[in-house]
Amino acid sequence: MLTTLGGRQLITTQVGVLEGRAVRAYSLSKRQWRSSFRFGPAYFAMVACVLTAGCTVSTNGTVVAAPTLGQAPRPVPTAALSSVLLSPREASSVVGASLSVASSRQGLYENRPLDDGCLVWGQAQRHTYEGSGWTAVRVEELRDRPDNADHIIYQAAVAFPDAASAQELFAGQEAAWSRCDDRRVDLRDPGDPDAHYWSLNTATEQRGVLTITRSQEDNPGWSCQRVMTVTNNVVVDLAACAMDVNDRGVELALLIVDKIAGE
């Protein structure tokens, strides 16, 4: 830090540790500081570690490379996909209701998009992942009761051969979701003669989490938040439905991300 005192510029340093030696806080002129302060090998090694984010430092100041330096995370195996999904107890703690597994599957859903490709309301859809190279999927539906549920969660973990493939799928979804921004869509079930309109808000991406919310017009307050994010070689694809769902979908998706990180 530069400080002016008596017409001279002084450099003030903080107390720190360099090559295992304590450095006292002091004030010197630029010339005095340069002559008294020496950049040792440990300093330059520390800088390299900060730039590469791949080192550990022992308590005596020695810098050593981390065992995983330069290595990509090991892909999550297919066998682990079911275990990274949230248990009913984990999901219940977020939504404040007692949930149980209503259904599970190892395949994608087969809903069809609108003519312009809009299918943002449907999680884990074959149309979304077609041609992406996905290798496996696990999907579960959680409800607080079988009929007229107050809380519904659809959670899916979709595996890819590697992290780059998963990231490529995710990168293309922001544009795909934007096709549905601020739309009014009829999501009636097949064979239902009555229209059921939902209003979609604007898709947003923040810190690697893509979200959009749809609200049911004939049931004010009932809404579903669709969430997609990616970590390692897994895309987390989820929808949470409840009265005034807010960001519960994001909370649930990030819990799954944490579980994947622990694999």
C-alpha atoms as a PDB file:
ATOM      1  CA  MET A   1       0.000   0.000   0.000  1.00  0.00           C
ATOM      2  CA  LEU A   2       1.432   3.465  -0.971  1.00  0.00           C
ATOM      3  CA  THR A   3       1.315   6.139   1.751  1.00  0.00           C
ATOM      4  CA  THR A   4       2.655   9.730   1.568  1.00  0.00           C
ATOM      5  CA  LEU A   5       4.426  10.988   4.678  1.00  0.00           C
ATOM      6  CA  GLY A   6       6.714  14.035   4.810  1.00  0.00           C
ATOM      7  CA  GLY A   7       6.802  14.212   1.035  1.00  0.00           C
ATOM      8  CA  ARG A   8       7.976  10.611   0.691  1.00  0.00           C
ATOM      9  CA  GLN A   9       5.984   7.647  -0.622  1.00  0.00           C
ATOM     10  CA  LEU A  10       6.075   4.735   1.774  1.00  0.00           C
ATOM     11  CA  ILE A  11       5.046   1.114   1.178  1.00  0.00           C
ATOM     12  CA  THR A  12       3.218  -0.574   4.021  1.00  0.00           C
ATOM     13  CA  THR A  13       3.070  -4.364   4.141  1.00  0.00           C
ATOM     14  CA  GLN A  14       0.931  -6.628   6.293  1.00  0.00           C
ATOM     15  CA  VAL A  15       2.231  -9.244   8.677  1.00  0.00           C
ATOM     16  CA  GLY A  16       2.711 -12.459   6.727  1.00  0.00           C
ATOM     17  CA  VAL A  17       4.801 -15.583   6.253  1.00  0.00           C
ATOM     18  CA  LEU A  18       7.311 -16.025   3.457  1.00  0.00           C
ATOM     19  CA  GLU A  19       9.499 -19.139   3.185  1.00  0.00           C
ATOM     20  CA  GLY A  20       8.519 -20.037   6.735  1.00  0.00           C
ATOM     21  CA  ARG A  21       9.729 -16.706   8.254  1.00  0.00           C
ATOM     22  CA  ALA A  22       7.510 -14.092   9.843  1.00  0.00           C
ATOM     23  CA  VAL A  23       7.595 -10.682   8.134  1.00  0.00           C
ATOM     24  CA  ARG A  24       6.803  -7.751  10.427  1.00  0.00           C
ATOM     25  CA  ALA A  25       4.619  -4.894   9.246  1.00  0.00           C
ATOM     26  CA  TYR A  26       6.842  -1.940   8.428  1.00  0.00           C
ATOM     27  CA  SER A  27       7.108   1.212   6.297  1.00  0.00           C
ATOM     28  CA  LEU A  28      10.014   1.919   3.955  1.00  0.00           C
ATOM     29  CA  SER A  29      10.766   3.958   0.895  1.00  0.00           C
ATOM     30  CA  LYS A  30      10.491   2.106  -2.417  1.00  0.00           C
ATOM     31  CA  ARG A  31      14.296   1.732  -2.636  1.00  0.00           C
ATOM     32  CA  GLN A  32      14.634   0.506   0.960  1.00  0.00           C
ATOM     33  CA  TRP A  33      11.758  -1.927   0.522  1.00  0.00           C
ATOM     34  CA  ARG A  34      13.217  -3.434  -2.653  1.00  0.00           C
ATOM     35  CA  SER A  35      16.634  -3.894  -1.064  1.00  0.00           C
ATOM     36  CA  SER A  36      15.316  -5.456   2.120  1.00  0.00           C
ATOM     37  CA  PHE A  37      12.580  -7.669   0.635  1.00  0.00           C
ATOM     38  CA  ARG A  38      13.705 -10.781  -1.220  1.00  0.00           C
ATOM     39  CA  PHE A  39      11.421 -12.967  -3.366  1.00  0.00           C
ATOM     40  CA  GLY A  40      12.484 -16.523  -2.606  1.00  0.00           C
ATOM     41  CA  PRO A  41      11.616 -19.761  -4.421  1.00  0.00           C
ATOM     42  CA  ALA A  42       8.650 -20.408  -2.147  1.00  0.00           C
ATOM     43  CA  TYR A  43       7.115 -17.084  -3.144  1.00  0.00           C
ATOM     44  CA  PHE A  44       7.186 -17.925  -6.839  1.00  0.00           C
ATOM     45  CA  ALA A  45       5.896 -21.435  -6.176  1.00  0.00           C
ATOM     46  CA  MET A  46       3.038 -19.946  -4.171  1.00  0.00           C
ATOM     47  CA  VAL A  47       2.139 -17.647  -7.076  1.00  0.00           C
ATOM     48  CA  ALA A  48       2.120 -20.641  -9.426  1.00  0.00           C
ATOM     49  CA  CYS A  49      -0.199 -22.468  -7.075  1.00  0.00           C
ATOM     50  CA  VAL A  50      -2.628 -19.558  -6.923  1.00  0.00           C
ATOM     51  CA  LEU A  51      -2.698 -19.309 -10.711  1.00  0.00           C
ATOM     52  CA  THR A  52      -3.224 -23.013 -11.280  1.00  0.00           C
ATOM     53  CA  ALA A  53      -5.351 -23.736  -8.174  1.00  0.00           C
ATOM     54  CA  GLY A  54      -3.582 -27.035  -7.843  1.00  0.00           C
ATOM     55  CA  CYS A  55      -1.259 -27.071  -4.849  1.00  0.00           C
ATOM     56  CA  THR A  56      -1.067 -27.569  -1.142  1.00  0.00           C
ATOM     57  CA  VAL A  57       1.217 -25.782   1.317  1.00  0.00           C
ATOM     58  CA  SER A  58       2.717 -27.396   4.385  1.00  0.00           C
ATOM     59  CA  THR A  59       2.901 -25.606   7.724  1.00  0.00           C
ATOM     60  CA  ASN A  60       6.627 -24.846   7.275  1.00  0.00           C
ATOM     61  CA  GLY A  61       5.987 -22.929   4.075  1.00  0.00           C
ATOM     62  CA  THR A  62       6.985 -25.669   1.642  1.00  0.00           C
ATOM     63  CA  VAL A  63       4.834 -25.719  -1.497  1.00  0.00           C
ATOM     64  CA  VAL A  64       4.012 -29.073  -3.049  1.00  0.00           C
ATOM     65  CA  ALA A  65       1.830 -30.045  -5.989  1.00  0.00           C
ATOM     66  CA  ALA A  66      -1.569 -31.476  -5.181  1.00  0.00           C
ATOM     67  CA  PRO A  67      -2.080 -35.126  -6.189  1.00  0.00           C
ATOM     68  CA  THR A  68      -4.908 -34.129  -8.571  1.00  0.00           C
ATOM     69  CA  LEU A  69      -3.029 -31.289 -10.286  1.00  0.00           C
ATOM     70  CA  GLY A  70      -3.891 -31.308 -13.995  1.00  0.00           C
ATOM     71  CA  GLN A  71      -6.339 -34.186 -13.662  1.00  0.00           C
ATOM     72  CA  ALA A  72     -10.034 -34.038 -14.596  1.00  0.00           C
ATOM     73  CA  PRO A  73     -12.530 -35.381 -12.036  1.00  0.00           C
ATOM     74  CA  ARG A  74     -13.306 -39.053 -12.408  1.00  0.00           C
ATOM     75  CA  PRO A  75     -16.649 -39.391 -14.251  1.00  0.00           C
ATOM     76  CA  VAL A  76     -19.576 -40.460 -12.111  1.00  0.00           C
ATOM     77  CA  PRO A  77     -20.358 -44.097 -13.008  1.00  0.00           C
ATOM     78  CA  THR A  78     -23.802 -45.158 -14.143  1.00  0.00           C
ATOM     79  CA  ALA A  79     -24.201 -47.335 -11.071  1.00  0.00           C
ATOM     80  CA  ALA A  80     -24.020 -44.235  -8.851  1.00  0.00           C
ATOM     81  CA  LEU A  81     -26.805 -42.260 -10.547  1.00  0.00           C
ATOM     82  CA  SER A  82     -29.577 -43.527  -8.285  1.00  0.00           C
ATOM     83  CA  SER A  83     -27.571 -42.693  -5.172  1.00  0.00           C
ATOM     84  CA  VAL A  84     -27.018 -39.056  -6.185  1.00  0.00           C
ATOM     85  CA  LEU A  85     -30.754 -38.392  -6.439  1.00  0.00           C
ATOM     86  CA  LEU A  86     -32.329 -37.014  -3.278  1.00  0.00           C
ATOM     87  CA  SER A  87     -33.910 -39.400  -0.846  1.00  0.00           C
ATOM     88  CA  PRO A  88     -37.488 -38.593   0.218  1.00  0.00           C
ATOM     89  CA  ARG A  89     -36.125 -37.397   3.555  1.00  0.00           C
ATOM     90  CA  GLU A  90     -33.590 -35.059   1.927  1.00  0.00           C
ATOM     91  CA  ALA A  91     -36.189 -33.577  -0.404  1.00  0.00           C
ATOM     92  CA  SER A  92     -38.786 -33.293   2.366  1.00  0.00           C
ATOM     93  CA  SER A  93     -36.427 -31.118   4.406  1.00  0.00           C
ATOM     94  CA  VAL A  94     -36.451 -28.536   1.592  1.00  0.00           C
ATOM     95  CA  VAL A  95     -40.169 -28.414   0.779  1.00  0.00           C
ATOM     96  CA  GLY A  96     -41.461 -28.871   4.314  1.00  0.00           C
ATOM     97  CA  ALA A  97     -43.646 -31.892   3.550  1.00  0.00           C
ATOM     98  CA  SER A  98     -43.397 -35.657   3.943  1.00  0.00           C
ATOM     99  CA  LEU A  99     -42.540 -37.022   0.498  1.00  0.00           C
ATOM    100  CA  SER A 100     -42.287 -40.539  -0.841  1.00  0.00           C
ATOM    101  CA  VAL A 101     -41.266 -42.052  -4.178  1.00  0.00           C
ATOM    102  CA  ALA A 102     -44.286 -42.230  -6.465  1.00  0.00           C
ATOM    103  CA  SER A 103     -42.465 -43.622  -9.499  1.00  0.00           C
ATOM    104  CA  SER A 104     -38.987 -44.203 -10.893  1.00  0.00           C
ATOM    105  CA  ARG A 105     -37.568 -45.024 -14.304  1.00  0.00           C
ATOM    106  CA  GLN A 106     -34.336 -45.512 -16.206  1.00  0.00           C
ATOM    107  CA  GLY A 107     -35.472 -43.836 -19.413  1.00  0.00           C
ATOM    108  CA  LEU A 108     -36.347 -40.367 -20.650  1.00  0.00           C
ATOM    109  CA  TYR A 109     -39.882 -39.064 -21.038  1.00  0.00           C
ATOM    110  CA  GLU A 110     -41.422 -38.919 -24.511  1.00  0.00           C
ATOM    111  CA  ASN A 111     -43.447 -35.687 -24.551  1.00  0.00           C
ATOM    112  CA  ARG A 112     -43.452 -33.774 -27.820  1.00  0.00           C
ATOM    113  CA  PRO A 113     -42.522 -30.100 -28.112  1.00  0.00           C
ATOM    114  CA  LEU A 114     -44.512 -27.306 -29.676  1.00  0.00           C
ATOM    115  CA  ASP A 115     -43.966 -26.630 -33.364  1.00  0.00           C
ATOM    116  CA  ASP A 116     -41.083 -24.244 -32.607  1.00  0.00           C
ATOM    117  CA  GLY A 117     -39.343 -26.747 -30.311  1.00  0.00           C
ATOM    118  CA  CYS A 118     -40.538 -25.306 -27.015  1.00  0.00           C
ATOM    119  CA  LEU A 119     -40.583 -28.027 -24.364  1.00  0.00           C
ATOM    120  CA  VAL A 120     -39.161 -26.211 -21.377  1.00  0.00           C
ATOM    121  CA  TRP A 121     -41.885 -27.386 -18.981  1.00  0.00           C
ATOM    122  CA  GLY A 122     -40.878 -31.040 -19.401  1.00  0.00           C
ATOM    123  CA  GLN A 123     -37.855 -32.329 -17.519  1.00  0.00           C
ATOM    124  CA  ALA A 124     -35.757 -35.303 -18.685  1.00  0.00           C
ATOM    125  CA  GLN A 125     -37.285 -35.370 -22.167  1.00  0.00           C
ATOM    126  CA  ARG A 126     -35.875 -37.458 -25.022  1.00  0.00           C
ATOM    127  CA  HIS A 127     -36.360 -34.488 -27.337  1.00  0.00           C
ATOM    128  CA  THR A 128     -34.011 -32.416 -25.158  1.00  0.00           C
ATOM    129  CA  TYR A 129     -31.212 -34.991 -25.074  1.00  0.00           C
ATOM    130  CA  GLU A 130     -31.551 -36.404 -28.578  1.00  0.00           C
ATOM    131  CA  GLY A 131     -28.174 -36.582 -30.314  1.00  0.00           C
ATOM    132  CA  SER A 132     -26.248 -35.386 -27.231  1.00  0.00           C
ATOM    133  CA  GLY A 133     -24.483 -38.679 -26.527  1.00  0.00           C
ATOM    134  CA  TRP A 134     -26.041 -39.259 -23.101  1.00  0.00           C
ATOM    135  CA  THR A 135     -25.342 -42.718 -21.712  1.00  0.00           C
ATOM    136  CA  ALA A 136     -27.742 -43.305 -18.802  1.00  0.00           C
ATOM    137  CA  VAL A 137     -30.510 -41.638 -16.809  1.00  0.00           C
ATOM    138  CA  ARG A 138     -32.279 -42.123 -13.503  1.00  0.00           C
ATOM    139  CA  VAL A 139     -35.595 -40.370 -12.870  1.00  0.00           C
ATOM    140  CA  GLU A 140     -37.770 -40.272  -9.756  1.00  0.00           C
ATOM    141  CA  GLU A 141     -41.081 -38.629  -8.957  1.00  0.00           C
ATOM    142  CA  LEU A 142     -41.672 -37.665  -5.324  1.00  0.00           C
ATOM    143  CA  ARG A 143     -45.087 -36.686  -3.897  1.00  0.00           C
ATOM    144  CA  ASP A 144     -46.565 -35.909  -0.524  1.00  0.00           C
ATOM    145  CA  ARG A 145     -49.645 -37.958  -1.457  1.00  0.00           C
ATOM    146  CA  PRO A 146     -50.682 -39.971  -4.522  1.00  0.00           C
ATOM    147  CA  ASP A 147     -53.634 -37.792  -5.589  1.00  0.00           C
ATOM    148  CA  ASN A 148     -54.093 -34.032  -5.399  1.00  0.00           C
ATOM    149  CA  ALA A 149     -50.567 -33.632  -4.086  1.00  0.00           C
ATOM    150  CA  ASP A 150     -49.461 -30.327  -2.595  1.00  0.00           C
ATOM    151  CA  HIS A 151     -45.800 -31.003  -3.381  1.00  0.00           C
ATOM    152  CA  ILE A 152     -44.388 -32.811  -6.425  1.00  0.00           C
ATOM    153  CA  ILE A 153     -40.754 -33.211  -7.447  1.00  0.00           C
ATOM    154  CA  TYR A 154     -39.411 -34.729 -10.640  1.00  0.00           C
ATOM    155  CA  GLN A 155     -35.664 -35.281 -10.311  1.00  0.00           C
ATOM    156  CA  ALA A 156     -33.334 -36.701 -12.944  1.00  0.00           C
ATOM    157  CA  ALA A 157     -29.605 -37.346 -13.239  1.00  0.00           C
ATOM    158  CA  VAL A 158     -28.423 -37.787 -16.833  1.00  0.00           C
ATOM    159  CA  ALA A 159     -24.921 -39.190 -17.371  1.00  0.00           C
ATOM    160  CA  PHE A 160     -22.555 -38.446 -20.247  1.00  0.00           C
ATOM    161  CA  PRO A 161     -19.232 -40.024 -21.220  1.00  0.00           C
ATOM    162  CA  ASP A 162     -17.311 -37.023 -19.892  1.00  0.00           C
ATOM    163  CA  ALA A 163     -17.720 -33.548 -18.426  1.00  0.00           C
ATOM    164  CA  ALA A 164     -17.227 -31.821 -21.784  1.00  0.00           C
ATOM    165  CA  SER A 165     -20.191 -33.657 -23.320  1.00  0.00           C
ATOM    166  CA  ALA A 166     -22.437 -32.786 -20.384  1.00  0.00           C
ATOM    167  CA  GLN A 167     -21.386 -29.143 -20.534  1.00  0.00           C
ATOM    168  CA  GLU A 168     -22.072 -29.014 -24.274  1.00  0.00           C
ATOM    169  CA  LEU A 169     -25.661 -30.162 -23.734  1.00  0.00           C
ATOM    170  CA  PHE A 170     -26.167 -27.605 -20.986  1.00  0.00           C
ATOM    171  CA  ALA A 171     -24.664 -24.773 -23.051  1.00  0.00           C
ATOM    172  CA  GLY A 172     -27.240 -25.332 -25.786  1.00  0.00           C
ATOM    173  CA  GLN A 173     -30.197 -25.262 -23.423  1.00  0.00           C
ATOM    174  CA  GLU A 174     -30.156 -21.562 -22.584  1.00  0.00           C
ATOM    175  CA  ALA A 175     -31.082 -20.692 -26.173  1.00  0.00           C
ATOM    176  CA  ALA A 176     -33.578 -23.561 -26.345  1.00  0.00           C
ATOM    177  CA  TRP A 177     -35.338 -22.438 -23.168  1.00  0.00           C
ATOM    178  CA  SER A 178     -35.523 -18.842 -24.366  1.00  0.00           C
ATOM    179  CA  ARG A 179     -37.930 -19.967 -27.110  1.00  0.00           C
ATOM    180  CA  CYS A 180     -40.507 -20.410 -24.363  1.00  0.00           C
ATOM    181  CA  ASP A 181     -40.000 -17.065 -22.618  1.00  0.00           C
ATOM    182  CA  ASP A 182     -43.211 -15.349 -21.531  1.00  0.00           C
ATOM    183  CA  ARG A 183     -45.399 -17.866 -23.338  1.00  0.00           C
ATOM    184  CA  ARG A 184     -48.932 -19.095 -22.624  1.00  0.00           C
ATOM    185  CA  VAL A 185     -49.182 -22.827 -23.331  1.00  0.00           C
ATOM    186  CA  ASP A 186     -51.936 -25.432 -23.154  1.00  0.00           C
ATOM    187  CA  LEU A 187     -50.600 -28.461 -21.272  1.00  0.00           C
ATOM    188  CA  ARG A 188     -53.666 -30.664 -21.271  1.00  0.00           C
ATOM    189  CA  ASP A 189     -53.131 -34.400 -20.916  1.00  0.00           C
ATOM    190  CA  PRO A 190     -53.732 -36.625 -23.952  1.00  0.00           C
ATOM    191  CA  GLY A 191     -57.454 -37.294 -24.330  1.00  0.00           C
ATOM    192  CA  ASP A 192     -58.478 -34.372 -22.112  1.00  0.00           C
ATOM    193  CA  PRO A 193     -60.971 -32.189 -24.021  1.00  0.00           C
ATOM    194  CA  ASP A 194     -60.413 -29.201 -21.744  1.00  0.00           C
ATOM    195  CA  ALA A 195     -57.558 -26.735 -22.137  1.00  0.00           C
ATOM    196  CA  HIS A 196     -55.219 -26.183 -19.179  1.00  0.00           C
ATOM    197  CA  TYR A 197     -53.231 -23.030 -19.687  1.00  0.00           C
ATOM    198  CA  TRP A 198     -49.946 -22.222 -18.002  1.00  0.00           C
ATOM    199  CA  SER A 199     -47.946 -19.000 -18.118  1.00  0.00           C
ATOM    200  CA  LEU A 200     -44.165 -19.200 -18.447  1.00  0.00           C
ATOM    201  CA  ASN A 201     -41.825 -16.522 -17.190  1.00  0.00           C
ATOM    202  CA  THR A 202     -38.379 -15.713 -18.617  1.00  0.00           C
ATOM    203  CA  ALA A 203     -35.621 -18.325 -18.505  1.00  0.00           C
ATOM    204  CA  THR A 204     -32.578 -17.153 -16.544  1.00  0.00           C
ATOM    205  CA  GLU A 205     -29.087 -18.510 -15.996  1.00  0.00           C
ATOM    206  CA  GLN A 206     -27.188 -17.599 -12.842  1.00  0.00           C
ATOM    207  CA  ARG A 207     -23.933 -19.182 -11.724  1.00  0.00           C
ATOM    208  CA  GLY A 208     -24.421 -22.183 -13.948  1.00  0.00           C
ATOM    209  CA  VAL A 209     -28.043 -22.850 -12.928  1.00  0.00           C
ATOM    210  CA  LEU A 210     -30.768 -22.478 -15.562  1.00  0.00           C
ATOM    211  CA  THR A 211     -34.337 -21.852 -14.341  1.00  0.00           C
ATOM    212  CA  ILE A 212     -37.825 -21.080 -15.610  1.00  0.00           C
ATOM    213  CA  THR A 213     -41.167 -21.152 -13.792  1.00  0.00           C
ATOM    214  CA  ARG A 214     -44.619 -21.968 -15.119  1.00  0.00           C
ATOM    215  CA  SER A 215     -47.810 -20.974 -13.299  1.00  0.00           C
ATOM    216  CA  GLN A 216     -51.207 -22.647 -13.740  1.00  0.00           C
ATOM    217  CA  GLU A 217     -53.900 -20.159 -14.732  1.00  0.00           C
ATOM    218  CA  ASP A 218     -56.902 -22.088 -13.415  1.00  0.00           C
ATOM    219  CA  ASN A 219     -55.219 -22.821 -10.056  1.00  0.00           C
ATOM    220  CA  PRO A 220     -53.739 -19.504  -8.860  1.00  0.00           C
ATOM    221  CA  GLY A 221     -50.534 -19.925  -6.869  1.00  0.00           C
ATOM    222  CA  TRP A 222     -49.728 -23.406  -8.169  1.00  0.00           C
ATOM    223  CA  SER A 223     -46.438 -23.271 -10.024  1.00  0.00           C
ATOM    224  CA  CYS A 224     -43.516 -25.446 -11.090  1.00  0.00           C
ATOM    225  CA  GLN A 225     -39.885 -24.382 -11.252  1.00  0.00           C
ATOM    226  CA  ARG A 226     -37.786 -26.207 -13.837  1.00  0.00           C
ATOM    227  CA  VAL A 227     -34.056 -26.292 -13.100  1.00  0.00           C
ATOM    228  CA  MET A 228     -31.062 -27.575 -15.011  1.00  0.00           C
ATOM    229  CA  THR A 229     -27.400 -27.522 -14.048  1.00  0.00           C
ATOM    230  CA  VAL A 230     -24.309 -29.598 -14.756  1.00  0.00           C
ATOM    231  CA  THR A 231     -21.485 -30.939 -12.653  1.00  0.00           C
ATOM    232  CA  ASN A 232     -18.754 -33.312 -13.793  1.00  0.00           C
ATOM    233  CA  ASN A 233     -20.325 -35.617 -16.409  1.00  0.00           C
ATOM    234  CA  VAL A 234     -23.888 -35.375 -15.030  1.00  0.00           C
ATOM    235  CA  VAL A 235     -26.721 -33.044 -15.992  1.00  0.00           C
ATOM    236  CA  VAL A 236     -29.165 -32.449 -13.146  1.00  0.00           C
ATOM    237  CA  ASP A 237     -32.657 -31.916 -14.598  1.00  0.00           C
ATOM    238  CA  LEU A 238     -35.430 -31.202 -12.111  1.00  0.00           C
ATOM    239  CA  ALA A 239     -38.873 -29.695 -11.625  1.00  0.00           C
ATOM    240  CA  ALA A 240     -40.465 -28.788  -8.292  1.00  0.00           C
ATOM    241  CA  CYS A 241     -44.187 -28.013  -8.071  1.00  0.00           C
ATOM    242  CA  ALA A 242     -46.045 -26.456  -5.135  1.00  0.00           C
ATOM    243  CA  MET A 243     -48.098 -23.471  -4.131  1.00  0.00           C
ATOM    244  CA  ASP A 244     -45.745 -20.497  -4.529  1.00  0.00           C
ATOM    245  CA  VAL A 245     -42.788 -22.758  -5.316  1.00  0.00           C
ATOM    246  CA  ASN A 246     -40.282 -19.858  -5.439  1.00  0.00           C
ATOM    247  CA  ASP A 247     -36.693 -21.234  -5.661  1.00  0.00           C
ATOM    248  CA  ARG A 248     -37.236 -24.632  -4.085  1.00  0.00           C
ATOM    249  CA  GLY A 249     -36.233 -26.263  -7.355  1.00  0.00           C
ATOM    250  CA  VAL A 250     -32.858 -24.552  -7.217  1.00  0.00           C
ATOM    251  CA  GLU A 251     -32.330 -25.656  -3.617  1.00  0.00           C
ATOM    252  CA  LEU A 252     -33.086 -29.257  -4.526  1.00  0.00           C
ATOM    253  CA  ALA A 253     -30.844 -29.236  -7.598  1.00  0.00           C
ATOM    254  CA  LEU A 254     -27.895 -27.849  -5.645  1.00  0.00           C
ATOM    255  CA  LEU A 255     -28.293 -30.599  -3.049  1.00  0.00           C
ATOM    256  CA  ILE A 256     -27.931 -33.145  -5.849  1.00  0.00           C
ATOM    257  CA  VAL A 257     -24.825 -31.295  -7.084  1.00  0.00           C
ATOM    258  CA  ASP A 258     -23.340 -31.622  -3.589  1.00  0.00           C
ATOM    259  CA  LYS A 259     -24.028 -35.357  -3.577  1.00  0.00           C
ATOM    260  CA  ILE A 260     -22.390 -35.781  -6.975  1.00  0.00           C
ATOM    261  CA  ALA A 261     -19.306 -33.947  -5.717  1.00  0.00           C
ATOM    262  CA  GLY A 262     -19.043 -36.528  -2.940  1.00  0.00           C
ATOM    263  CA  GLU A 263     -18.983 -39.474  -5.346  1.00  0.00           C
END
